[in-house]
């Protein structure tokens, strides 16, 4: 996508990092309030960033988790939190 343009890559990663921080905050609030519909919508948004980072296995987990949330379950929550931690760490190190 960037065709080797490092400045473009930094800009995209910076925007992704800023958006992810807000989405994770909102996701945590939705989970705490047991608002699975809102949490699923946020997982859907976050999935795009997972894809952007090329995290294929994580994308599959996020997709399954989104479906679970839509069905009133959060059994993949701990797996999804691990994905979020990895993303946050990577994006912070990229800044």
N, C-alpha and C. Protein backbone atom coordinates (compact mmCIF):
# COMPACT_ATOMS: atom_id res chain seq x y z
N UNK A 1 0.83 -1.19 0.00
CA UNK A 1 0.00 0.00 0.00
C UNK A 1 0.87 1.25 0.00
N UNK A 2 1.94 1.26 0.78
CA UNK A 2 2.76 2.47 0.90
C UNK A 2 3.81 2.58 -0.20
N UNK A 3 4.07 1.47 -0.89
CA UNK A 3 5.08 1.43 -1.94
C UNK A 3 6.42 1.96 -1.45
N UNK A 4 6.75 1.64 -0.20
CA UNK A 4 8.03 2.02 0.36
C UNK A 4 8.11 3.43 0.92
N UNK A 5 7.03 4.15 0.92
CA UNK A 5 7.01 5.53 1.43
C UNK A 5 6.94 5.48 2.96
N UNK A 6 8.09 5.64 3.60
CA UNK A 6 8.19 5.52 5.07
C UNK A 6 7.37 6.61 5.78
N UNK A 7 7.32 7.78 5.24
CA UNK A 7 6.55 8.87 5.86
C UNK A 7 5.06 8.52 5.87
N UNK A 8 4.59 7.97 4.77
CA UNK A 8 3.20 7.54 4.68
C UNK A 8 2.92 6.44 5.70
N UNK A 9 3.83 5.48 5.81
CA UNK A 9 3.68 4.38 6.76
C UNK A 9 3.59 4.92 8.19
N UNK A 10 4.47 5.85 8.53
CA UNK A 10 4.45 6.43 9.88
C UNK A 10 3.14 7.14 10.16
N UNK A 11 2.64 7.85 9.15
CA UNK A 11 1.39 8.59 9.32
C UNK A 11 0.22 7.62 9.54
N UNK A 12 0.16 6.56 8.75
CA UNK A 12 -0.91 5.57 8.89
C UNK A 12 -0.84 4.90 10.26
N UNK A 13 0.36 4.52 10.68
CA UNK A 13 0.52 3.87 11.98
C UNK A 13 0.18 4.82 13.13
N UNK A 14 0.49 6.09 12.97
CA UNK A 14 0.17 7.08 14.00
C UNK A 14 -1.35 7.24 14.14
N UNK A 15 -2.03 7.33 13.02
CA UNK A 15 -3.50 7.45 13.05
C UNK A 15 -4.10 6.18 13.65
N UNK A 16 -3.61 5.02 13.24
CA UNK A 16 -4.11 3.75 13.77
C UNK A 16 -3.91 3.68 15.28
N UNK A 17 -2.76 4.13 15.75
CA UNK A 17 -2.45 4.12 17.18
C UNK A 17 -3.42 5.00 17.96
N UNK A 18 -3.65 6.21 17.46
CA UNK A 18 -4.56 7.14 18.14
C UNK A 18 -5.98 6.58 18.18
N UNK A 19 -6.44 6.06 17.05
CA UNK A 19 -7.79 5.50 17.00
C UNK A 19 -7.92 4.29 17.90
N UNK A 20 -6.89 3.43 17.89
CA UNK A 20 -6.95 2.21 18.69
C UNK A 20 -7.05 2.52 20.18
N UNK A 21 -6.31 3.50 20.64
CA UNK A 21 -6.37 3.87 22.06
C UNK A 21 -7.80 4.22 22.47
N UNK A 22 -8.47 4.99 21.66
CA UNK A 22 -9.85 5.40 21.96
C UNK A 22 -10.81 4.20 21.87
N UNK A 23 -10.61 3.37 20.85
CA UNK A 23 -11.49 2.22 20.67
C UNK A 23 -11.31 1.21 21.81
N UNK A 24 -10.09 1.02 22.27
CA UNK A 24 -9.85 0.09 23.39
C UNK A 24 -10.51 0.62 24.65
N UNK A 25 -10.38 1.92 24.87
CA UNK A 25 -11.03 2.54 26.04
C UNK A 25 -12.54 2.31 25.99
N UNK A 26 -13.14 2.58 24.84
CA UNK A 26 -14.58 2.39 24.67
C UNK A 26 -14.97 0.92 24.77
N UNK A 27 -14.12 0.04 24.24
CA UNK A 27 -14.37 -1.40 24.32
C UNK A 27 -14.40 -1.85 25.78
N UNK A 28 -13.43 -1.41 26.55
CA UNK A 28 -13.38 -1.79 27.97
C UNK A 28 -14.60 -1.31 28.73
N UNK A 29 -15.07 -0.13 28.40
CA UNK A 29 -16.30 0.39 29.03
C UNK A 29 -17.50 -0.49 28.64
N UNK A 30 -17.61 -0.82 27.36
CA UNK A 30 -18.73 -1.65 26.89
C UNK A 30 -18.72 -3.01 27.57
N UNK A 31 -17.54 -3.62 27.69
CA UNK A 31 -17.44 -4.93 28.36
C UNK A 31 -17.82 -4.81 29.83
N UNK A 32 -17.34 -3.76 30.49
CA UNK A 32 -17.66 -3.56 31.91
C UNK A 32 -19.16 -3.38 32.12
N UNK A 33 -19.82 -2.78 31.15
CA UNK A 33 -21.26 -2.55 31.24
C UNK A 33 -22.07 -3.71 30.67
N UNK A 34 -21.36 -4.76 30.25
CA UNK A 34 -21.98 -5.93 29.62
C UNK A 34 -22.85 -5.51 28.43
N UNK A 35 -22.35 -4.55 27.68
CA UNK A 35 -23.01 -4.08 26.47
C UNK A 35 -22.36 -4.78 25.28
N UNK A 36 -22.78 -6.02 25.06
CA UNK A 36 -22.15 -6.83 24.03
C UNK A 36 -22.34 -6.28 22.62
N UNK A 37 -23.46 -5.65 22.39
CA UNK A 37 -23.71 -5.07 21.06
C UNK A 37 -22.66 -3.99 20.76
N UNK A 38 -22.46 -3.09 21.69
CA UNK A 38 -21.47 -2.02 21.51
C UNK A 38 -20.06 -2.60 21.43
N UNK A 39 -19.76 -3.58 22.27
CA UNK A 39 -18.44 -4.22 22.25
C UNK A 39 -18.19 -4.87 20.90
N UNK A 40 -19.20 -5.53 20.34
CA UNK A 40 -19.06 -6.18 19.03
C UNK A 40 -18.79 -5.15 17.94
N UNK A 41 -19.45 -4.00 18.02
CA UNK A 41 -19.20 -2.95 17.03
C UNK A 41 -17.76 -2.44 17.11
N UNK A 42 -17.24 -2.34 18.31
CA UNK A 42 -15.87 -1.88 18.49
C UNK A 42 -14.87 -2.94 18.03
N UNK A 43 -15.16 -4.20 18.29
CA UNK A 43 -14.29 -5.27 17.78
C UNK A 43 -14.28 -5.21 16.26
N UNK A 44 -15.42 -4.95 15.66
CA UNK A 44 -15.50 -4.84 14.20
C UNK A 44 -14.57 -3.74 13.69
N UNK A 45 -14.58 -2.60 14.35
CA UNK A 45 -13.69 -1.50 13.96
C UNK A 45 -12.22 -1.89 14.13
N UNK A 46 -11.92 -2.53 15.24
CA UNK A 46 -10.54 -2.91 15.55
C UNK A 46 -10.03 -3.97 14.57
N UNK A 47 -10.94 -4.81 14.08
CA UNK A 47 -10.55 -5.84 13.11
C UNK A 47 -9.84 -5.23 11.90
N UNK A 48 -10.26 -4.06 11.48
CA UNK A 48 -9.64 -3.42 10.33
C UNK A 48 -8.17 -3.09 10.61
N UNK A 49 -7.89 -2.69 11.81
CA UNK A 49 -6.50 -2.39 12.19
C UNK A 49 -5.69 -3.68 12.29
N UNK A 50 -6.32 -4.74 12.77
CA UNK A 50 -5.65 -6.04 12.84
C UNK A 50 -5.25 -6.47 11.43
N UNK A 51 -6.16 -6.29 10.51
CA UNK A 51 -5.88 -6.64 9.11
C UNK A 51 -4.77 -5.76 8.54
N UNK A 52 -4.82 -4.49 8.83
CA UNK A 52 -3.80 -3.55 8.36
C UNK A 52 -2.41 -3.96 8.83
N UNK A 53 -2.33 -4.51 10.04
CA UNK A 53 -1.05 -4.94 10.61
C UNK A 53 -0.66 -6.34 10.16
N UNK A 54 -1.50 -6.98 9.36
CA UNK A 54 -1.17 -8.30 8.82
C UNK A 54 -1.23 -9.43 9.83
N UNK A 55 -2.06 -9.27 10.83
CA UNK A 55 -2.18 -10.27 11.90
C UNK A 55 -3.32 -11.23 11.56
N UNK A 56 -3.06 -12.17 10.66
CA UNK A 56 -4.11 -13.02 10.11
C UNK A 56 -4.79 -13.89 11.17
N UNK A 57 -4.02 -14.57 12.00
CA UNK A 57 -4.61 -15.44 13.04
C UNK A 57 -5.41 -14.59 14.05
N UNK A 58 -4.87 -13.44 14.39
CA UNK A 58 -5.56 -12.54 15.31
C UNK A 58 -6.87 -12.04 14.70
N UNK A 59 -6.87 -11.82 13.40
CA UNK A 59 -8.09 -11.39 12.71
C UNK A 59 -9.17 -12.46 12.84
N UNK A 60 -8.77 -13.72 12.68
CA UNK A 60 -9.73 -14.83 12.80
C UNK A 60 -10.32 -14.89 14.21
N UNK A 61 -9.47 -14.69 15.20
CA UNK A 61 -9.94 -14.70 16.60
C UNK A 61 -10.90 -13.54 16.82
N UNK A 62 -10.54 -12.36 16.32
CA UNK A 62 -11.39 -11.18 16.48
C UNK A 62 -12.74 -11.39 15.80
N UNK A 63 -12.72 -12.02 14.64
CA UNK A 63 -13.98 -12.27 13.93
C UNK A 63 -14.87 -13.22 14.74
N UNK A 64 -14.26 -14.28 15.28
CA UNK A 64 -15.02 -15.22 16.11
C UNK A 64 -15.54 -14.54 17.37
N UNK A 65 -14.72 -13.67 17.95
CA UNK A 65 -15.11 -12.96 19.16
C UNK A 65 -16.27 -12.00 18.87
N UNK A 66 -16.22 -11.32 17.75
CA UNK A 66 -17.31 -10.42 17.37
C UNK A 66 -18.62 -11.22 17.27
N UNK A 67 -18.55 -12.38 16.65
CA UNK A 67 -19.75 -13.23 16.53
C UNK A 67 -20.24 -13.67 17.91
N UNK A 68 -19.30 -14.04 18.79
CA UNK A 68 -19.67 -14.45 20.14
C UNK A 68 -20.39 -13.31 20.87
N UNK A 69 -19.82 -12.13 20.78
CA UNK A 69 -20.44 -10.98 21.45
C UNK A 69 -21.85 -10.75 20.93
N UNK A 70 -22.02 -10.88 19.63
CA UNK A 70 -23.36 -10.71 19.06
C UNK A 70 -24.33 -11.78 19.53
N UNK A 71 -23.78 -12.90 20.03
CA UNK A 71 -24.62 -13.97 20.58
C UNK A 71 -24.62 -13.98 22.11
N UNK A 72 -24.11 -12.91 22.72
CA UNK A 72 -24.19 -12.77 24.17
C UNK A 72 -23.12 -13.51 24.95
N UNK A 73 -21.99 -13.81 24.32
CA UNK A 73 -20.92 -14.53 25.00
C UNK A 73 -19.62 -13.74 24.89
N UNK A 74 -18.77 -13.89 25.88
CA UNK A 74 -17.47 -13.22 25.85
C UNK A 74 -16.33 -14.21 26.14
N UNK A 75 -16.49 -15.45 25.74
CA UNK A 75 -15.50 -16.47 26.09
C UNK A 75 -14.13 -16.25 25.46
N UNK A 76 -14.04 -15.50 24.39
CA UNK A 76 -12.74 -15.20 23.78
C UNK A 76 -12.15 -13.87 24.26
N UNK A 77 -12.71 -13.33 25.32
CA UNK A 77 -12.27 -12.02 25.81
C UNK A 77 -10.77 -12.01 26.14
N UNK A 78 -10.29 -13.00 26.86
CA UNK A 78 -8.87 -12.98 27.25
C UNK A 78 -7.97 -13.09 26.02
N UNK A 79 -8.36 -13.88 25.03
CA UNK A 79 -7.58 -13.98 23.79
C UNK A 79 -7.57 -12.64 23.06
N UNK A 80 -8.72 -11.98 23.03
CA UNK A 80 -8.80 -10.68 22.35
C UNK A 80 -7.97 -9.63 23.08
N UNK A 81 -7.96 -9.67 24.38
CA UNK A 81 -7.14 -8.72 25.15
C UNK A 81 -5.65 -8.89 24.84
N UNK A 82 -5.21 -10.13 24.65
CA UNK A 82 -3.81 -10.39 24.27
C UNK A 82 -3.51 -9.74 22.92
N UNK A 83 -4.43 -9.85 22.00
CA UNK A 83 -4.27 -9.23 20.68
C UNK A 83 -4.15 -7.72 20.83
N UNK A 84 -5.02 -7.13 21.63
CA UNK A 84 -4.99 -5.68 21.84
C UNK A 84 -3.64 -5.24 22.42
N UNK A 85 -3.14 -6.00 23.39
CA UNK A 85 -1.84 -5.67 24.00
C UNK A 85 -0.73 -5.69 22.95
N UNK A 86 -0.73 -6.71 22.10
CA UNK A 86 0.28 -6.82 21.05
C UNK A 86 0.20 -5.64 20.09
N UNK A 87 -1.01 -5.27 19.72
CA UNK A 87 -1.20 -4.16 18.80
C UNK A 87 -0.73 -2.84 19.42
N UNK A 88 -1.12 -2.62 20.66
CA UNK A 88 -0.73 -1.38 21.35
C UNK A 88 0.78 -1.29 21.46
N UNK A 89 1.42 -2.38 21.86
CA UNK A 89 2.87 -2.40 21.99
C UNK A 89 3.54 -2.11 20.65
N UNK A 90 3.10 -2.80 19.60
CA UNK A 90 3.69 -2.59 18.27
C UNK A 90 3.52 -1.14 17.81
N UNK A 91 2.32 -0.61 17.95
CA UNK A 91 2.07 0.76 17.49
C UNK A 91 2.84 1.78 18.30
N UNK A 92 2.99 1.56 19.59
CA UNK A 92 3.79 2.49 20.42
C UNK A 92 5.25 2.46 20.00
N UNK A 93 5.75 1.27 19.71
CA UNK A 93 7.15 1.14 19.29
C UNK A 93 7.39 1.72 17.90
N UNK A 94 6.33 1.85 17.12
CA UNK A 94 6.44 2.38 15.76
C UNK A 94 6.43 3.91 15.73
N UNK A 95 6.06 4.51 16.85
CA UNK A 95 5.95 5.98 16.86
C UNK A 95 7.30 6.62 17.01
